[in-house]
Amino acid sequence: MTIKERNTELQNRLVDKSIEAFLMGLEVFNKPTINYRTEGFSFFICNAWELMLKALLLKRGQSIYYKDQPDRTYDLSKVIHLIYTDKRQPLRINLEKIINLRNTSTHFVTEDYEAIFAPIFQSCVVNYVNELLHFHNKDVSNYLNRSSLTLTTNIKELSNE
């Protein structure tokens, strides 16, 4: 197998795993009996974006590995900075907010801010579907009904605190 063929195979595997992570995120968020759904969604959607964007870098002929650590691939923040170079771009801002939630959830207990994050998550879902189609010509409707892309929420009244 040539290097180009291995690269293409890796791109395809990354995209396939990205779609799996995306679908898992939707399933977790839309399951009303899960209390950890906001955090769980943030984990899976970040993974989905990271894998999809790494596949894009490979498609563009760019490396996904740190030069000083050739066995370590770029993290999500790094690939976002490489692909979405405008710090004011709404898609990038949206992803960075979700990354912050994911990082906080990984290392500490987060408050239940579903009412705040639901619109941010919904925007992220739409952005992912559009970018997956744009970058990799993959249509999410081949994997699930488009009506499943709407996130269901248990919006509680927010207090000033």
C-alpha atoms as a PDB file:
ATOM      1  CA  MET A   1       0.000   0.000   0.000  1.00  0.00           C
ATOM      2  CA  THR A   2       1.348   3.418  -0.952  1.00  0.00           C
ATOM      3  CA  ILE A   3       1.655   6.354   1.441  1.00  0.00           C
ATOM      4  CA  LYS A   4      -1.169   8.111  -0.393  1.00  0.00           C
ATOM      5  CA  GLU A   5      -3.415   5.053  -0.038  1.00  0.00           C
ATOM      6  CA  ARG A   6      -2.616   4.808   3.692  1.00  0.00           C
ATOM      7  CA  ASN A   7      -3.340   8.514   4.077  1.00  0.00           C
ATOM      8  CA  THR A   8      -6.711   8.125   2.319  1.00  0.00           C
ATOM      9  CA  GLU A   9      -7.538   5.094   4.457  1.00  0.00           C
ATOM     10  CA  LEU A  10      -6.709   7.042   7.628  1.00  0.00           C
ATOM     11  CA  GLN A  11      -8.846   9.975   6.457  1.00  0.00           C
ATOM     12  CA  ASN A  12     -11.794   7.635   5.899  1.00  0.00           C
ATOM     13  CA  ARG A  13     -11.342   5.996   9.290  1.00  0.00           C
ATOM     14  CA  LEU A  14     -11.189   9.394  11.001  1.00  0.00           C
ATOM     15  CA  VAL A  15     -14.371  10.552   9.270  1.00  0.00           C
ATOM     16  CA  ASP A  16     -16.196   7.309  10.095  1.00  0.00           C
ATOM     17  CA  LYS A  17     -15.202   7.560  13.770  1.00  0.00           C
ATOM     18  CA  SER A  18     -16.160  11.237  13.737  1.00  0.00           C
ATOM     19  CA  ILE A  19     -19.655  10.370  12.554  1.00  0.00           C
ATOM     20  CA  GLU A  20     -19.925   7.671  15.244  1.00  0.00           C
ATOM     21  CA  ALA A  21     -18.937  10.178  17.942  1.00  0.00           C
ATOM     22  CA  PHE A  22     -21.438  12.683  16.557  1.00  0.00           C
ATOM     23  CA  LEU A  23     -24.252  10.127  16.620  1.00  0.00           C
ATOM     24  CA  MET A  24     -23.305   9.094  20.173  1.00  0.00           C
ATOM     25  CA  GLY A  25     -23.460  12.735  21.242  1.00  0.00           C
ATOM     26  CA  LEU A  26     -26.965  13.077  19.817  1.00  0.00           C
ATOM     27  CA  GLU A  27     -28.095   9.856  21.462  1.00  0.00           C
ATOM     28  CA  VAL A  28     -26.719  10.854  24.845  1.00  0.00           C
ATOM     29  CA  PHE A  29     -28.218  14.336  24.728  1.00  0.00           C
ATOM     30  CA  ASN A  30     -31.629  13.176  23.539  1.00  0.00           C
ATOM     31  CA  LYS A  31     -31.992  10.495  26.219  1.00  0.00           C
ATOM     32  CA  PRO A  32     -34.050  12.152  28.983  1.00  0.00           C
ATOM     33  CA  THR A  33     -33.056   9.701  31.715  1.00  0.00           C
ATOM     34  CA  ILE A  34     -29.374  10.631  31.580  1.00  0.00           C
ATOM     35  CA  ASN A  35     -28.429  13.361  34.044  1.00  0.00           C
ATOM     36  CA  TYR A  36     -24.894  13.719  32.640  1.00  0.00           C
ATOM     37  CA  ARG A  37     -26.114  14.469  29.140  1.00  0.00           C
ATOM     38  CA  THR A  38     -24.792  18.028  28.809  1.00  0.00           C
ATOM     39  CA  GLU A  39     -21.300  16.901  29.768  1.00  0.00           C
ATOM     40  CA  GLY A  40     -21.561  13.694  27.719  1.00  0.00           C
ATOM     41  CA  PHE A  41     -22.644  15.586  24.642  1.00  0.00           C
ATOM     42  CA  SER A  42     -19.707  17.971  25.009  1.00  0.00           C
ATOM     43  CA  PHE A  43     -17.265  15.025  25.157  1.00  0.00           C
ATOM     44  CA  PHE A  44     -18.665  13.324  22.063  1.00  0.00           C
ATOM     45  CA  ILE A  45     -19.183  16.446  19.936  1.00  0.00           C
ATOM     46  CA  CYS A  46     -15.630  17.615  20.637  1.00  0.00           C
ATOM     47  CA  ASN A  47     -14.329  14.205  19.619  1.00  0.00           C
ATOM     48  CA  ALA A  48     -16.445  14.294  16.448  1.00  0.00           C
ATOM     49  CA  TRP A  49     -15.098  17.695  15.439  1.00  0.00           C
ATOM     50  CA  GLU A  50     -11.497  16.804  16.238  1.00  0.00           C
ATOM     51  CA  LEU A  51     -11.554  13.659  14.114  1.00  0.00           C
ATOM     52  CA  MET A  52     -13.352  15.352  11.213  1.00  0.00           C
ATOM     53  CA  LEU A  53     -10.939  18.284  11.179  1.00  0.00           C
ATOM     54  CA  LYS A  54      -7.874  16.032  11.404  1.00  0.00           C
ATOM     55  CA  ALA A  55      -9.174  14.183   8.345  1.00  0.00           C
ATOM     56  CA  LEU A  56      -9.473  17.535   6.583  1.00  0.00           C
ATOM     57  CA  LEU A  57      -5.871  18.435   7.414  1.00  0.00           C
ATOM     58  CA  LEU A  58      -4.730  15.106   5.963  1.00  0.00           C
ATOM     59  CA  LYS A  59      -6.884  15.688   2.888  1.00  0.00           C
ATOM     60  CA  ARG A  60      -5.108  19.029   2.438  1.00  0.00           C
ATOM     61  CA  GLY A  61      -1.727  17.317   2.711  1.00  0.00           C
ATOM     62  CA  GLN A  62      -0.982  18.757   6.152  1.00  0.00           C
ATOM     63  CA  SER A  63       0.367  16.890   9.143  1.00  0.00           C
ATOM     64  CA  ILE A  64      -1.746  16.132  12.204  1.00  0.00           C
ATOM     65  CA  TYR A  65       1.313  15.431  14.388  1.00  0.00           C
ATOM     66  CA  TYR A  66       3.354  17.721  16.609  1.00  0.00           C
ATOM     67  CA  LYS A  67       6.857  18.155  15.173  1.00  0.00           C
ATOM     68  CA  ASP A  68       8.567  17.668  18.539  1.00  0.00           C
ATOM     69  CA  GLN A  69       6.353  14.656  19.441  1.00  0.00           C
ATOM     70  CA  PRO A  70       5.790  12.685  16.230  1.00  0.00           C
ATOM     71  CA  ASP A  71       3.566  10.099  17.957  1.00  0.00           C
ATOM     72  CA  ARG A  72       1.184  12.748  19.338  1.00  0.00           C
ATOM     73  CA  THR A  73      -1.604  14.155  17.178  1.00  0.00           C
ATOM     74  CA  TYR A  74      -2.961  17.677  17.433  1.00  0.00           C
ATOM     75  CA  ASP A  75      -5.728  18.338  19.906  1.00  0.00           C
ATOM     76  CA  LEU A  76      -9.029  19.965  18.974  1.00  0.00           C
ATOM     77  CA  SER A  77      -7.926  23.487  19.857  1.00  0.00           C
ATOM     78  CA  LYS A  78      -4.901  23.180  17.571  1.00  0.00           C
ATOM     79  CA  VAL A  79      -6.880  21.909  14.569  1.00  0.00           C
ATOM     80  CA  ILE A  80      -9.503  24.621  15.060  1.00  0.00           C
ATOM     81  CA  HIS A  81      -6.769  27.275  15.007  1.00  0.00           C
ATOM     82  CA  LEU A  82      -5.291  25.774  11.829  1.00  0.00           C
ATOM     83  CA  ILE A  83      -8.595  25.556   9.938  1.00  0.00           C
ATOM     84  CA  TYR A  84     -10.659  28.430  11.314  1.00  0.00           C
ATOM     85  CA  THR A  85      -8.069  31.181  11.479  1.00  0.00           C
ATOM     86  CA  ASP A  86     -10.437  34.083  12.216  1.00  0.00           C
ATOM     87  CA  LYS A  87     -10.856  34.305  16.010  1.00  0.00           C
ATOM     88  CA  ARG A  88     -14.171  36.118  15.532  1.00  0.00           C
ATOM     89  CA  GLN A  89     -15.720  33.440  13.337  1.00  0.00           C
ATOM     90  CA  PRO A  90     -19.004  32.333  14.972  1.00  0.00           C
ATOM     91  CA  LEU A  91     -18.358  28.637  14.293  1.00  0.00           C
ATOM     92  CA  ARG A  92     -14.976  28.842  16.015  1.00  0.00           C
ATOM     93  CA  ILE A  93     -16.398  30.771  18.983  1.00  0.00           C
ATOM     94  CA  ASN A  94     -19.149  28.165  19.307  1.00  0.00           C
ATOM     95  CA  LEU A  95     -16.633  25.316  19.374  1.00  0.00           C
ATOM     96  CA  GLU A  96     -14.389  27.088  21.869  1.00  0.00           C
ATOM     97  CA  LYS A  97     -17.317  27.511  24.282  1.00  0.00           C
ATOM     98  CA  ILE A  98     -18.061  23.802  24.068  1.00  0.00           C
ATOM     99  CA  ILE A  99     -14.379  22.933  24.552  1.00  0.00           C
ATOM    100  CA  ASN A 100     -14.384  25.023  27.741  1.00  0.00           C
ATOM    101  CA  LEU A 101     -17.418  23.125  29.017  1.00  0.00           C
ATOM    102  CA  ARG A 102     -15.810  19.805  28.116  1.00  0.00           C
ATOM    103  CA  ASN A 103     -12.572  20.730  29.885  1.00  0.00           C
ATOM    104  CA  THR A 104     -14.390  21.893  33.004  1.00  0.00           C
ATOM    105  CA  SER A 105     -16.554  18.749  33.008  1.00  0.00           C
ATOM    106  CA  THR A 106     -13.481  16.555  32.661  1.00  0.00           C
ATOM    107  CA  HIS A 107     -11.674  18.040  35.638  1.00  0.00           C
ATOM    108  CA  PHE A 108     -14.457  19.312  37.879  1.00  0.00           C
ATOM    109  CA  VAL A 109     -18.191  19.198  38.488  1.00  0.00           C
ATOM    110  CA  THR A 110     -20.220  21.554  36.344  1.00  0.00           C
ATOM    111  CA  GLU A 111     -23.554  23.063  37.179  1.00  0.00           C
ATOM    112  CA  ASP A 112     -26.552  22.004  35.124  1.00  0.00           C
ATOM    113  CA  TYR A 113     -26.576  24.724  32.506  1.00  0.00           C
ATOM    114  CA  GLU A 114     -28.586  22.857  29.903  1.00  0.00           C
ATOM    115  CA  ALA A 115     -30.779  25.901  29.276  1.00  0.00           C
ATOM    116  CA  ILE A 116     -27.684  27.952  28.459  1.00  0.00           C
ATOM    117  CA  PHE A 117     -25.840  25.331  26.423  1.00  0.00           C
ATOM    118  CA  ALA A 118     -28.763  23.871  24.451  1.00  0.00           C
ATOM    119  CA  PRO A 119     -28.773  26.656  21.811  1.00  0.00           C
ATOM    120  CA  ILE A 120     -24.961  26.516  21.570  1.00  0.00           C
ATOM    121  CA  PHE A 121     -25.132  22.739  21.136  1.00  0.00           C
ATOM    122  CA  GLN A 122     -27.882  23.002  18.520  1.00  0.00           C
ATOM    123  CA  SER A 123     -25.797  25.450  16.521  1.00  0.00           C
ATOM    124  CA  CYS A 124     -22.812  23.101  16.817  1.00  0.00           C
ATOM    125  CA  VAL A 125     -24.896  20.209  15.454  1.00  0.00           C
ATOM    126  CA  VAL A 126     -25.957  22.245  12.422  1.00  0.00           C
ATOM    127  CA  ASN A 127     -22.374  23.431  11.871  1.00  0.00           C
ATOM    128  CA  TYR A 128     -21.037  19.861  12.084  1.00  0.00           C
ATOM    129  CA  VAL A 129     -23.571  18.572   9.542  1.00  0.00           C
ATOM    130  CA  ASN A 130     -22.746  21.398   7.139  1.00  0.00           C
ATOM    131  CA  GLU A 131     -18.967  21.087   7.497  1.00  0.00           C
ATOM    132  CA  LEU A 132     -19.030  17.295   7.182  1.00  0.00           C
ATOM    133  CA  LEU A 133     -20.853  17.644   3.886  1.00  0.00           C
ATOM    134  CA  HIS A 134     -18.629  20.512   2.723  1.00  0.00           C
ATOM    135  CA  PHE A 135     -15.277  18.971   3.693  1.00  0.00           C
ATOM    136  CA  HIS A 136     -15.897  15.251   3.224  1.00  0.00           C
ATOM    137  CA  ASN A 137     -19.036  14.981   1.079  1.00  0.00           C
ATOM    138  CA  LYS A 138     -20.771  12.932   3.792  1.00  0.00           C
ATOM    139  CA  ASP A 139     -24.473  13.533   4.381  1.00  0.00           C
ATOM    140  CA  VAL A 140     -25.653  12.833   7.931  1.00  0.00           C
ATOM    141  CA  SER A 141     -29.111  11.955   6.598  1.00  0.00           C
ATOM    142  CA  ASN A 142     -27.521   8.709   5.348  1.00  0.00           C
ATOM    143  CA  TYR A 143     -27.066   7.719   9.005  1.00  0.00           C
ATOM    144  CA  LEU A 144     -30.229   9.054  10.646  1.00  0.00           C
ATOM    145  CA  ASN A 145     -33.404  10.949   9.967  1.00  0.00           C
ATOM    146  CA  ARG A 146     -32.794  14.711   9.795  1.00  0.00           C
ATOM    147  CA  SER A 147     -35.495  15.269  12.424  1.00  0.00           C
ATOM    148  CA  SER A 148     -33.156  13.531  14.888  1.00  0.00           C
ATOM    149  CA  LEU A 149     -30.776  16.491  14.619  1.00  0.00           C
ATOM    150  CA  THR A 150     -33.006  18.603  16.847  1.00  0.00           C
ATOM    151  CA  LEU A 151     -31.841  18.389  20.438  1.00  0.00           C
ATOM    152  CA  THR A 152     -34.481  17.892  23.110  1.00  0.00           C
ATOM    153  CA  THR A 153     -34.051  19.881  26.276  1.00  0.00           C
ATOM    154  CA  ASN A 154     -35.316  19.901  29.836  1.00  0.00           C
ATOM    155  CA  ILE A 155     -35.186  23.637  30.244  1.00  0.00           C
ATOM    156  CA  LYS A 156     -35.563  24.625  33.853  1.00  0.00           C
ATOM    157  CA  GLU A 157     -36.130  28.180  34.882  1.00  0.00           C
ATOM    158  CA  LEU A 158     -32.814  29.907  35.478  1.00  0.00           C
ATOM    159  CA  SER A 159     -32.198  31.967  38.555  1.00  0.00           C
ATOM    160  CA  ASN A 160     -29.979  35.025  38.700  1.00  0.00           C
ATOM    161  CA  GLU A 161     -27.403  32.923  40.535  1.00  0.00           C
END
